[in-house]
Protein backbone atom coordinates (compact mmCIF):
# COMPACT_ATOMS: atom_id res chain seq x y z
CA UNK A 1 90.12 125.01 93.20
CA UNK A 2 87.39 122.58 94.30
CA UNK A 3 86.99 121.36 90.72
CA UNK A 4 90.81 120.59 90.54
CA UNK A 5 90.59 118.63 93.83
CA UNK A 6 87.60 116.67 92.57
CA UNK A 7 89.29 116.00 89.21
CA UNK A 8 92.48 114.84 90.91
CA UNK A 9 90.68 112.47 93.26
CA UNK A 10 88.44 111.03 90.51
CA UNK A 11 91.40 110.51 88.25
CA UNK A 12 93.33 108.65 90.97
CA UNK A 13 90.25 106.51 91.71
CA UNK A 14 89.66 105.86 88.01
CA UNK A 15 93.27 104.98 87.38
CA UNK A 16 93.53 102.70 90.45
CA UNK A 17 90.22 101.16 89.62
CA UNK A 18 91.33 100.34 86.01
CA UNK A 19 94.47 98.76 87.36
CA UNK A 20 92.46 96.61 89.82
CA UNK A 21 90.04 95.56 87.06
CA UNK A 22 92.88 94.72 84.65
CA UNK A 23 95.14 93.00 87.10
CA UNK A 24 92.31 91.23 88.85
CA UNK A 25 90.71 89.80 85.70
CA UNK A 26 93.94 88.80 84.07
CA UNK A 27 95.26 87.13 87.21
CA UNK A 28 91.88 85.54 87.82
CA UNK A 29 91.99 84.07 84.32
CA UNK A 30 95.54 82.77 85.09
CA UNK A 31 94.40 81.26 88.44
CA UNK A 32 91.41 79.58 86.77
CA UNK A 33 93.60 78.06 84.04
CA UNK A 34 92.09 80.05 81.22
CA UNK A 35 95.34 81.62 80.25
CA UNK A 36 98.95 80.58 81.02
CA UNK A 37 101.40 83.47 81.08
CA UNK A 38 104.74 82.72 82.78
CA UNK A 39 105.00 86.23 84.14
CA UNK A 40 101.77 85.71 86.14
CA UNK A 41 102.99 82.52 87.88
CA UNK A 42 104.75 84.31 90.71
CA UNK A 43 101.83 86.59 91.69
CA UNK A 44 99.46 83.59 91.64
CA UNK A 45 101.90 81.59 93.82
CA UNK A 46 102.06 84.48 96.26
CA UNK A 47 98.26 84.77 96.36
CA UNK A 48 97.95 81.07 96.88
CA UNK A 49 100.50 81.17 99.66
CA UNK A 50 98.66 84.03 101.41
CA UNK A 51 95.33 82.15 101.05
CA UNK A 52 96.95 79.03 102.54
CA UNK A 53 98.27 80.98 105.48
CA UNK A 54 95.08 83.05 106.17
CA UNK A 55 92.25 80.83 105.22
CA UNK A 56 92.35 78.93 108.51
CA UNK A 57 91.51 82.11 110.40
CA UNK A 58 89.28 83.64 107.68
CA UNK A 59 85.68 84.22 108.32
CA UNK A 60 84.90 83.30 104.68
CA UNK A 61 87.81 81.26 103.13
CA UNK A 62 88.69 82.27 99.58
CA UNK A 63 90.59 80.61 96.85
CA UNK A 64 92.82 82.68 94.44
CA UNK A 65 90.02 82.97 91.85
CA UNK A 66 87.41 84.29 94.33
CA UNK A 67 89.90 86.60 95.94
CA UNK A 68 90.90 88.05 92.52
CA UNK A 69 87.20 88.37 91.70
CA UNK A 70 86.82 90.63 94.79
CA UNK A 71 89.81 92.66 93.57
CA UNK A 72 88.23 93.06 90.13
CA UNK A 73 84.87 93.98 91.74
CA UNK A 74 86.70 96.61 93.82
CA UNK A 75 88.15 98.02 90.61
CA UNK A 76 84.78 98.24 89.00
CA UNK A 77 83.42 99.97 92.12
CA UNK A 78 86.26 102.53 91.90
CA UNK A 79 85.77 103.21 88.19
CA UNK A 80 81.94 103.61 88.49
CA UNK A 81 82.27 105.62 91.78
CA UNK A 82 84.79 107.97 90.16
CA UNK A 83 82.52 108.65 87.16
CA UNK A 84 79.46 109.11 89.30
CA UNK A 85 81.25 111.32 91.74
CA UNK A 86 82.70 113.45 88.94
CA UNK A 87 79.16 113.91 87.69
CA UNK A 88 78.01 114.70 91.28
CA UNK A 89 75.63 111.84 91.32
CA UNK A 90 74.73 110.52 94.83
CA UNK A 91 75.20 106.89 93.66
CA UNK A 92 78.85 107.72 92.87
CA UNK A 93 79.58 108.33 96.55
CA UNK A 94 77.59 105.13 97.41
CA UNK A 95 79.70 103.03 94.97
CA UNK A 96 82.88 104.54 96.31
CA UNK A 97 81.69 103.67 99.85
CA UNK A 98 81.07 100.11 98.63
CA UNK A 99 84.72 99.95 97.52
CA UNK A 100 85.90 101.18 100.91
CA UNK A 101 83.63 98.71 102.72
CA UNK A 102 84.85 95.87 100.54
CA UNK A 103 88.46 96.87 101.16
CA UNK A 104 87.82 96.91 104.92
CA UNK A 105 85.93 93.65 104.75
CA UNK A 106 89.06 91.93 103.38
CA UNK A 107 91.05 92.98 106.39
CA UNK A 108 88.19 91.85 108.69
CA UNK A 109 87.77 88.58 106.83
CA UNK A 110 91.41 87.57 107.06
CA UNK A 111 91.82 89.09 110.49
CA UNK A 112 95.03 90.69 109.52
CA UNK A 113 96.49 94.15 109.10
CA UNK A 114 99.19 94.72 106.56
CA UNK A 115 100.70 97.80 104.76
CA UNK A 116 97.77 97.86 102.39
CA UNK A 117 95.77 99.46 105.21
CA UNK A 118 97.44 102.67 104.19
CA UNK A 119 95.58 102.44 100.80
CA UNK A 120 92.36 102.12 102.73
CA UNK A 121 93.13 105.06 105.00
CA UNK A 122 94.10 107.14 101.98
CA UNK A 123 90.92 106.12 100.28
CA UNK A 124 88.79 107.18 103.28
CA UNK A 125 90.49 110.59 103.46
CA UNK A 126 90.02 111.08 99.71
CA UNK A 127 86.38 109.98 99.93
CA UNK A 128 85.52 112.66 102.48
CA UNK A 129 87.65 115.25 100.71
CA UNK A 130 85.78 114.38 97.51
CA UNK A 131 82.40 114.90 99.13
CA UNK A 132 83.45 118.22 100.66
CA UNK A 133 85.15 119.54 97.48
CA UNK A 134 82.19 118.45 95.35
CA UNK A 135 79.87 120.38 97.56
CA UNK A 136 81.84 123.63 96.79
CA UNK A 137 82.13 122.93 93.08
CA UNK A 138 80.21 125.34 90.90
CA UNK A 139 77.79 124.07 88.35
CA UNK A 140 79.09 124.05 84.77
């Protein structure tokens, strides 16, 4: 059972990480003017609007490119953390903790709470569940 729980959590982290890497890098390329895809204009406009509203109170003001870079970094952290945790490597947990800390840091930086806090809370619950389940997992 522990193996199934670990696999489920690692697959969620891997999938969510790949989405963050993909969306973050593509939207970052759009925001930087490297690509120009009409479908990406609205998300970039929304991000720029959010940055405009929140940067006055932000600890570290970010533009769309840097914000999306953070999103992509978080995705890489999730992917590497999922792989490491599946393999029961201590660094995997550390990289997942880095993702959680980065996610929390965005809330602190912009001094705002929004519905995305639920993703962070779910991530924290899954993180500790993963550690516990992996401790019960038998060696292959």
